[in-house]
């Protein structure tokens, strides 16, 4: 059983068309995933976007990996 709190993922309808972002920054989760899918390492992503931290990358991946099992951001998450 894995437990995670996705406290770094935020959704604000006034920001990035309500898409999930990292810590209220205008960096959407889908951008991070696209960079990783195109071969960037997490270290390279953080170097490209220095306002990000390694934990932001981890939570972006976890958020997408759990898909519909993932509750809305800000609700604390227990993933079984």
PDB file of N, CA and C in Angstrom:
ATOM      1  N   UNK A   1       0.844  -1.171   0.000  1.00  0.00           N
ATOM      2  CA  UNK A   1       0.000   0.000   0.000  1.00  0.00           C
ATOM      3  C   UNK A   1       0.891   1.237   0.000  1.00  0.00           C
ATOM      4  N   UNK A   2       0.623   2.163  -0.905  1.00  0.00           N
ATOM      5  CA  UNK A   2       1.402   3.401  -0.977  1.00  0.00           C
ATOM      6  C   UNK A   2       0.537   4.555  -0.500  1.00  0.00           C
ATOM      7  N   UNK A   3       1.151   5.464   0.213  1.00  0.00           N
ATOM      8  CA  UNK A   3       0.451   6.649   0.676  1.00  0.00           C
ATOM      9  C   UNK A   3       1.202   7.865   0.187  1.00  0.00           C
ATOM     10  N   UNK A   4       0.471   8.836  -0.335  1.00  0.00           N
ATOM     11  CA  UNK A   4       1.096  10.052  -0.830  1.00  0.00           C
ATOM     12  C   UNK A   4       0.151  11.217  -0.622  1.00  0.00           C
ATOM     13  N   UNK A   5       0.713  12.371  -0.348  1.00  0.00           N
ATOM     14  CA  UNK A   5      -0.064  13.588  -0.252  1.00  0.00           C
ATOM     15  C   UNK A   5       0.358  14.464  -1.428  1.00  0.00           C
ATOM     16  N   UNK A   6      -0.549  14.743  -2.310  1.00  0.00           N
ATOM     17  CA  UNK A   6      -0.228  15.525  -3.498  1.00  0.00           C
ATOM     18  C   UNK A   6      -0.415  17.016  -3.224  1.00  0.00           C
ATOM     19  N   UNK A   7       0.251  17.500  -2.201  1.00  0.00           N
ATOM     20  CA  UNK A   7       0.096  18.882  -1.780  1.00  0.00           C
ATOM     21  C   UNK A   7       0.791  19.882  -2.693  1.00  0.00           C
ATOM     22  N   UNK A   8       1.581  19.420  -3.629  1.00  0.00           N
ATOM     23  CA  UNK A   8       2.262  20.320  -4.562  1.00  0.00           C
ATOM     24  C   UNK A   8       1.472  20.534  -5.845  1.00  0.00           C
ATOM     25  N   UNK A   9       0.400  19.780  -6.022  1.00  0.00           N
ATOM     26  CA  UNK A   9      -0.432  19.903  -7.210  1.00  0.00           C
ATOM     27  C   UNK A   9      -1.611  20.823  -6.875  1.00  0.00           C
ATOM     28  N   UNK A  10      -1.779  21.874  -7.659  1.00  0.00           N
ATOM     29  CA  UNK A  10      -2.864  22.823  -7.417  1.00  0.00           C
ATOM     30  C   UNK A  10      -3.703  22.982  -8.681  1.00  0.00           C
ATOM     31  N   UNK A  11      -4.977  23.292  -8.459  1.00  0.00           N
ATOM     32  CA  UNK A  11      -5.882  23.576  -9.573  1.00  0.00           C
ATOM     33  C   UNK A  11      -6.608  24.872  -9.232  1.00  0.00           C
ATOM     34  N   UNK A  12      -6.482  25.827 -10.118  1.00  0.00           N
ATOM     35  CA  UNK A  12      -7.142  27.122  -9.952  1.00  0.00           C
ATOM     36  C   UNK A  12      -7.790  27.460 -11.290  1.00  0.00           C
ATOM     37  N   UNK A  13      -9.107  27.594 -11.324  1.00  0.00           N
ATOM     38  CA  UNK A  13      -9.769  27.860 -12.597  1.00  0.00           C
ATOM     39  C   UNK A  13      -9.302  29.159 -13.262  1.00  0.00           C
ATOM     40  N   UNK A  14      -8.672  30.048 -12.510  1.00  0.00           N
ATOM     41  CA  UNK A  14      -8.186  31.311 -13.069  1.00  0.00           C
ATOM     42  C   UNK A  14      -6.759  31.204 -13.596  1.00  0.00           C
ATOM     43  N   UNK A  15      -6.174  30.032 -13.460  1.00  0.00           N
ATOM     44  CA  UNK A  15      -4.770  29.854 -13.855  1.00  0.00           C
ATOM     45  C   UNK A  15      -4.642  28.665 -14.795  1.00  0.00           C
ATOM     46  N   UNK A  16      -3.994  28.861 -15.914  1.00  0.00           N
ATOM     47  CA  UNK A  16      -3.742  27.785 -16.889  1.00  0.00           C
ATOM     48  C   UNK A  16      -5.017  27.018 -17.247  1.00  0.00           C
ATOM     49  N   UNK A  17      -6.109  27.743 -17.400  1.00  0.00           N
ATOM     50  CA  UNK A  17      -7.403  27.142 -17.767  1.00  0.00           C
ATOM     51  C   UNK A  17      -7.845  26.046 -16.809  1.00  0.00           C
ATOM     52  N   UNK A  18      -7.444  26.154 -15.550  1.00  0.00           N
ATOM     53  CA  UNK A  18      -7.860  25.177 -14.548  1.00  0.00           C
ATOM     54  C   UNK A  18      -7.111  23.858 -14.606  1.00  0.00           C
ATOM     55  N   UNK A  19      -6.062  23.796 -15.394  1.00  0.00           N
ATOM     56  CA  UNK A  19      -5.275  22.557 -15.487  1.00  0.00           C
ATOM     57  C   UNK A  19      -4.417  22.405 -14.231  1.00  0.00           C
ATOM     58  N   UNK A  20      -4.143  21.171 -13.815  1.00  0.00           N
ATOM     59  CA  UNK A  20      -3.291  20.953 -12.640  1.00  0.00           C
ATOM     60  C   UNK A  20      -1.903  21.564 -12.869  1.00  0.00           C
ATOM     61  N   UNK A  21      -1.448  22.316 -11.879  1.00  0.00           N
ATOM     62  CA  UNK A  21      -0.142  22.970 -11.930  1.00  0.00           C
ATOM     63  C   UNK A  21       0.667  22.609 -10.689  1.00  0.00           C
ATOM     64  N   UNK A  22       1.911  23.018 -10.700  1.00  0.00           N
ATOM     65  CA  UNK A  22       2.797  22.769  -9.569  1.00  0.00           C
ATOM     66  C   UNK A  22       2.805  23.988  -8.654  1.00  0.00           C
ATOM     67  N   UNK A  23       2.420  23.787  -7.414  1.00  0.00           N
ATOM     68  CA  UNK A  23       2.484  24.780  -6.333  1.00  0.00           C
ATOM     69  C   UNK A  23       1.978  26.164  -6.710  1.00  0.00           C
ATOM     70  N   UNK A  24       0.956  26.240  -7.526  1.00  0.00           N
ATOM     71  CA  UNK A  24       0.414  27.532  -7.899  1.00  0.00           C
ATOM     72  C   UNK A  24       1.252  28.277  -8.926  1.00  0.00           C
ATOM     73  N   UNK A  25       2.355  27.679  -9.330  1.00  0.00           N
ATOM     74  CA  UNK A  25       3.158  28.261 -10.396  1.00  0.00           C
ATOM     75  C   UNK A  25       2.432  28.048 -11.710  1.00  0.00           C
ATOM     76  N   UNK A  26       2.771  28.770 -12.698  1.00  0.00           N
ATOM     77  CA  UNK A  26       2.136  28.577 -14.009  1.00  0.00           C
ATOM     78  C   UNK A  26       2.911  27.526 -14.806  1.00  0.00           C
ATOM     79  N   UNK A  27       3.187  26.426 -14.134  1.00  0.00           N
ATOM     80  CA  UNK A  27       3.861  25.292 -14.759  1.00  0.00           C
ATOM     81  C   UNK A  27       2.912  24.097 -14.639  1.00  0.00           C
ATOM     82  N   UNK A  28       2.206  23.770 -15.723  1.00  0.00           N
ATOM     83  CA  UNK A  28       1.242  22.679 -15.649  1.00  0.00           C
ATOM     84  C   UNK A  28       1.913  21.308 -15.578  1.00  0.00           C
ATOM     85  N   UNK A  29       1.212  20.406 -14.921  1.00  0.00           N
ATOM     86  CA  UNK A  29       1.685  19.029 -14.783  1.00  0.00           C
ATOM     87  C   UNK A  29       1.962  18.430 -16.162  1.00  0.00           C
ATOM     88  N   UNK A  30       1.097  18.699 -17.130  1.00  0.00           N
ATOM     89  CA  UNK A  30       1.278  18.088 -18.456  1.00  0.00           C
ATOM     90  C   UNK A  30       2.586  18.536 -19.109  1.00  0.00           C
ATOM     91  N   UNK A  31       3.060  19.743 -18.820  1.00  0.00           N
ATOM     92  CA  UNK A  31       4.338  20.196 -19.374  1.00  0.00           C
ATOM     93  C   UNK A  31       5.489  19.359 -18.824  1.00  0.00           C
ATOM     94  N   UNK A  32       5.465  19.107 -17.524  1.00  0.00           N
ATOM     95  CA  UNK A  32       6.518  18.295 -16.904  1.00  0.00           C
ATOM     96  C   UNK A  32       6.517  16.896 -17.501  1.00  0.00           C
ATOM     97  N   UNK A  33       5.327  16.317 -17.647  1.00  0.00           N
ATOM     98  CA  UNK A  33       5.238  14.969 -18.211  1.00  0.00           C
ATOM     99  C   UNK A  33       5.705  14.932 -19.654  1.00  0.00           C
ATOM    100  N   UNK A  34       5.380  15.966 -20.406  1.00  0.00           N
ATOM    101  CA  UNK A  34       5.813  16.029 -21.806  1.00  0.00           C
ATOM    102  C   UNK A  34       7.342  16.103 -21.891  1.00  0.00           C
ATOM    103  N   UNK A  35       7.958  16.900 -21.025  1.00  0.00           N
ATOM    104  CA  UNK A  35       9.421  16.993 -21.019  1.00  0.00           C
ATOM    105  C   UNK A  35      10.049  15.642 -20.692  1.00  0.00           C
ATOM    106  N   UNK A  36       9.498  14.960 -19.679  1.00  0.00           N
ATOM    107  CA  UNK A  36      10.025  13.642 -19.306  1.00  0.00           C
ATOM    108  C   UNK A  36       9.825  12.635 -20.440  1.00  0.00           C
ATOM    109  N   UNK A  37       8.658  12.676 -21.079  1.00  0.00           N
ATOM    110  CA  UNK A  37       8.370  11.753 -22.179  1.00  0.00           C
ATOM    111  C   UNK A  37       9.293  11.987 -23.371  1.00  0.00           C
ATOM    112  N   UNK A  38       9.774  13.216 -23.507  1.00  0.00           N
ATOM    113  CA  UNK A  38      10.685  13.544 -24.603  1.00  0.00           C
ATOM    114  C   UNK A  38      12.148  13.327 -24.239  1.00  0.00           C
ATOM    115  N   UNK A  39      12.388  12.654 -23.114  1.00  0.00           N
ATOM    116  CA  UNK A  39      13.747  12.249 -22.783  1.00  0.00           C
ATOM    117  C   UNK A  39      14.497  13.090 -21.770  1.00  0.00           C
ATOM    118  N   UNK A  40      13.890  14.176 -21.297  1.00  0.00           N
ATOM    119  CA  UNK A  40      14.567  14.965 -20.261  1.00  0.00           C
ATOM    120  C   UNK A  40      14.557  14.186 -18.955  1.00  0.00           C
ATOM    121  N   UNK A  41      15.618  14.323 -18.191  1.00  0.00           N
ATOM    122  CA  UNK A  41      15.658  13.725 -16.862  1.00  0.00           C
ATOM    123  C   UNK A  41      15.025  14.706 -15.876  1.00  0.00           C
ATOM    124  N   UNK A  42      14.600  14.223 -14.713  1.00  0.00           N
ATOM    125  CA  UNK A  42      14.086  15.157 -13.705  1.00  0.00           C
ATOM    126  C   UNK A  42      15.089  16.270 -13.376  1.00  0.00           C
ATOM    127  N   UNK A  43      16.357  15.941 -13.331  1.00  0.00           N
ATOM    128  CA  UNK A  43      17.387  16.954 -13.057  1.00  0.00           C
ATOM    129  C   UNK A  43      17.400  18.015 -14.151  1.00  0.00           C
ATOM    130  N   UNK A  44      17.254  17.587 -15.398  1.00  0.00           N
ATOM    131  CA  UNK A  44      17.223  18.548 -16.511  1.00  0.00           C
ATOM    132  C   UNK A  44      15.977  19.426 -16.466  1.00  0.00           C
ATOM    133  N   UNK A  45      14.858  18.849 -16.061  1.00  0.00           N
ATOM    134  CA  UNK A  45      13.624  19.632 -15.955  1.00  0.00           C
ATOM    135  C   UNK A  45      13.793  20.716 -14.893  1.00  0.00           C
ATOM    136  N   UNK A  46      14.364  20.350 -13.752  1.00  0.00           N
ATOM    137  CA  UNK A  46      14.593  21.322 -12.672  1.00  0.00           C
ATOM    138  C   UNK A  46      15.599  22.384 -13.119  1.00  0.00           C
ATOM    139  N   UNK A  47      16.598  21.995 -13.888  1.00  0.00           N
ATOM    140  CA  UNK A  47      17.568  22.972 -14.391  1.00  0.00           C
ATOM    141  C   UNK A  47      16.905  23.945 -15.367  1.00  0.00           C
ATOM    142  N   UNK A  48      15.952  23.461 -16.157  1.00  0.00           N
ATOM    143  CA  UNK A  48      15.241  24.298 -17.114  1.00  0.00           C
ATOM    144  C   UNK A  48      14.256  25.229 -16.406  1.00  0.00           C
ATOM    145  N   UNK A  49      13.636  24.732 -15.352  1.00  0.00           N
ATOM    146  CA  UNK A  49      12.664  25.490 -14.559  1.00  0.00           C
ATOM    147  C   UNK A  49      13.157  25.527 -13.111  1.00  0.00           C
ATOM    148  N   UNK A  50      14.075  26.435 -12.779  1.00  0.00           N
ATOM    149  CA  UNK A  50      14.705  26.429 -11.455  1.00  0.00           C
ATOM    150  C   UNK A  50      13.743  26.664 -10.290  1.00  0.00           C
ATOM    151  N   UNK A  51      12.535  27.142 -10.566  1.00  0.00           N
ATOM    152  CA  UNK A  51      11.569  27.301  -9.479  1.00  0.00           C
ATOM    153  C   UNK A  51      10.988  25.954  -9.036  1.00  0.00           C
ATOM    154  N   UNK A  52      11.221  24.917  -9.827  1.00  0.00           N
ATOM    155  CA  UNK A  52      10.781  23.572  -9.464  1.00  0.00           C
ATOM    156  C   UNK A  52      11.780  22.897  -8.547  1.00  0.00           C
ATOM    157  N   UNK A  53      11.284  21.926  -7.802  1.00  0.00           N
ATOM    158  CA  UNK A  53      12.103  21.095  -6.928  1.00  0.00           C
ATOM    159  C   UNK A  53      11.898  19.639  -7.343  1.00  0.00           C
ATOM    160  N   UNK A  54      12.846  18.763  -7.022  1.00  0.00           N
ATOM    161  CA  UNK A  54      12.677  17.350  -7.387  1.00  0.00           C
ATOM    162  C   UNK A  54      11.346  16.758  -6.916  1.00  0.00           C
ATOM    163  N   UNK A  55      10.869  17.144  -5.746  1.00  0.00           N
ATOM    164  CA  UNK A  55       9.597  16.617  -5.238  1.00  0.00           C
ATOM    165  C   UNK A  55       8.428  17.032  -6.131  1.00  0.00           C
ATOM    166  N   UNK A  56       8.540  18.182  -6.803  1.00  0.00           N
ATOM    167  CA  UNK A  56       7.489  18.608  -7.736  1.00  0.00           C
ATOM    168  C   UNK A  56       7.375  17.628  -8.896  1.00  0.00           C
ATOM    169  N   UNK A  57       8.522  17.196  -9.403  1.00  0.00           N
ATOM    170  CA  UNK A  57       8.534  16.244 -10.518  1.00  0.00           C
ATOM    171  C   UNK A  57       7.920  14.922 -10.072  1.00  0.00           C
ATOM    172  N   UNK A  58       8.310  14.457  -8.901  1.00  0.00           N
ATOM    173  CA  UNK A  58       7.775  13.192  -8.368  1.00  0.00           C
ATOM    174  C   UNK A  58       6.257  13.253  -8.222  1.00  0.00           C
ATOM    175  N   UNK A  59       5.750  14.361  -7.700  1.00  0.00           N
ATOM    176  CA  UNK A  59       4.301  14.458  -7.518  1.00  0.00           C
ATOM    177  C   UNK A  59       3.569  14.588  -8.843  1.00  0.00           C
ATOM    178  N   UNK A  60       4.157  15.243  -9.830  1.00  0.00           N
ATOM    179  CA  UNK A  60       3.530  15.330 -11.146  1.00  0.00           C
ATOM    180  C   UNK A  60       3.360  13.937 -11.740  1.00  0.00           C
ATOM    181  N   UNK A  61       4.385  13.122 -11.622  1.00  0.00           N
ATOM    182  CA  UNK A  61       4.324  11.750 -12.133  1.00  0.00           C
ATOM    183  C   UNK A  61       3.289  10.944 -11.347  1.00  0.00           C
ATOM    184  N   UNK A  62       3.288  11.074 -10.026  1.00  0.00           N
ATOM    185  CA  UNK A  62       2.324  10.343  -9.200  1.00  0.00           C
ATOM    186  C   UNK A  62       0.897  10.772  -9.515  1.00  0.00           C
ATOM    187  N   UNK A  63       0.689  12.049  -9.712  1.00  0.00           N
ATOM    188  CA  UNK A  63      -0.648  12.570 -10.014  1.00  0.00           C
ATOM    189  C   UNK A  63      -1.206  11.929 -11.282  1.00  0.00           C
ATOM    190  N   UNK A  64      -0.392  11.858 -12.295  1.00  0.00           N
ATOM    191  CA  UNK A  64      -0.833  11.278 -13.566  1.00  0.00           C
ATOM    192  C   UNK A  64      -0.908   9.753 -13.474  1.00  0.00           C
ATOM    193  N   UNK A  65       0.028   9.144 -12.765  1.00  0.00           N
ATOM    194  CA  UNK A  65       0.074   7.684 -12.677  1.00  0.00           C
ATOM    195  C   UNK A  65      -1.175   7.103 -12.029  1.00  0.00           C
ATOM    196  N   UNK A  66      -1.772   7.833 -11.107  1.00  0.00           N
ATOM    197  CA  UNK A  66      -2.937   7.309 -10.411  1.00  0.00           C
ATOM    198  C   UNK A  66      -4.245   7.723 -11.063  1.00  0.00           C
ATOM    199  N   UNK A  67      -4.180   8.560 -12.090  1.00  0.00           N
ATOM    200  CA  UNK A  67      -5.340   8.900 -12.907  1.00  0.00           C
ATOM    201  C   UNK A  67      -6.619   9.110 -12.138  1.00  0.00           C
ATOM    202  N   UNK A  68      -7.643   8.338 -12.464  1.00  0.00           N
ATOM    203  CA  UNK A  68      -8.953   8.538 -11.859  1.00  0.00           C
ATOM    204  C   UNK A  68      -9.014   8.109 -10.394  1.00  0.00           C
ATOM    205  N   UNK A  69      -7.972   7.475  -9.903  1.00  0.00           N
ATOM    206  CA  UNK A  69      -7.922   7.119  -8.483  1.00  0.00           C
ATOM    207  C   UNK A  69      -7.415   8.290  -7.650  1.00  0.00           C
ATOM    208  N   UNK A  70      -7.031   9.361  -8.316  1.00  0.00           N
ATOM    209  CA  UNK A  70      -6.443  10.510  -7.655  1.00  0.00           C
ATOM    210  C   UNK A  70      -7.531  11.534  -7.351  1.00  0.00           C
ATOM    211  N   UNK A  71      -7.745  11.869  -6.084  1.00  0.00           N
ATOM    212  CA  UNK A  71      -8.754  12.872  -5.759  1.00  0.00           C
ATOM    213  C   UNK A  71      -8.305  14.260  -6.200  1.00  0.00           C
ATOM    214  N   UNK A  72      -9.202  15.215  -6.204  1.00  0.00           N
ATOM    215  CA  UNK A  72      -8.815  16.571  -6.585  1.00  0.00           C
ATOM    216  C   UNK A  72      -7.688  17.087  -5.702  1.00  0.00           C
ATOM    217  N   UNK A  73      -6.766  17.856  -6.257  1.00  0.00           N
ATOM    218  CA  UNK A  73      -5.676  18.417  -5.452  1.00  0.00           C
ATOM    219  C   UNK A  73      -6.224  19.203  -4.272  1.00  0.00           C
ATOM    220  N   UNK A  74      -5.466  19.167  -3.188  1.00  0.00           N
ATOM    221  CA  UNK A  74      -5.840  19.902  -1.997  1.00  0.00           C
ATOM    222  C   UNK A  74      -6.678  19.095  -1.029  1.00  0.00           C
ATOM    223  N   UNK A  75      -6.990  17.852  -1.356  1.00  0.00           N
ATOM    224  CA  UNK A  75      -7.803  17.028  -0.491  1.00  0.00           C
ATOM    225  C   UNK A  75      -7.004  15.960   0.243  1.00  0.00           C
ATOM    226  N   UNK A  76      -5.668  16.042   0.196  1.00  0.00           N
ATOM    227  CA  UNK A  76      -4.873  14.983   0.809  1.00  0.00           C
ATOM    228  C   UNK A  76      -5.168  13.702   0.069  1.00  0.00           C
ATOM    229  N   UNK A  77      -4.229  12.845  -0.032  1.00  0.00           N
ATOM    230  CA  UNK A  77      -4.402  11.675  -0.868  1.00  0.00           C
ATOM    231  C   UNK A  77      -3.920  10.431  -0.165  1.00  0.00           C
ATOM    232  N   UNK A  78      -4.734   9.429  -0.181  1.00  0.00           N
ATOM    233  CA  UNK A  78      -4.298   8.118   0.249  1.00  0.00           C
ATOM    234  C   UNK A  78      -4.536   7.191  -0.930  1.00  0.00           C
ATOM    235  N   UNK A  79      -3.467   6.648  -1.437  1.00  0.00           N
ATOM    236  CA  UNK A  79      -3.572   5.768  -2.599  1.00  0.00           C
ATOM    237  C   UNK A  79      -3.295   4.343  -2.162  1.00  0.00           C
ATOM    238  N   UNK A  80      -4.274   3.476  -2.306  1.00  0.00           N
ATOM    239  CA  UNK A  80      -4.101   2.061  -1.926  1.00  0.00           C
ATOM    240  C   UNK A  80      -3.762   1.232  -3.123  1.00  0.00           C
TER     241      UNK A  80
END
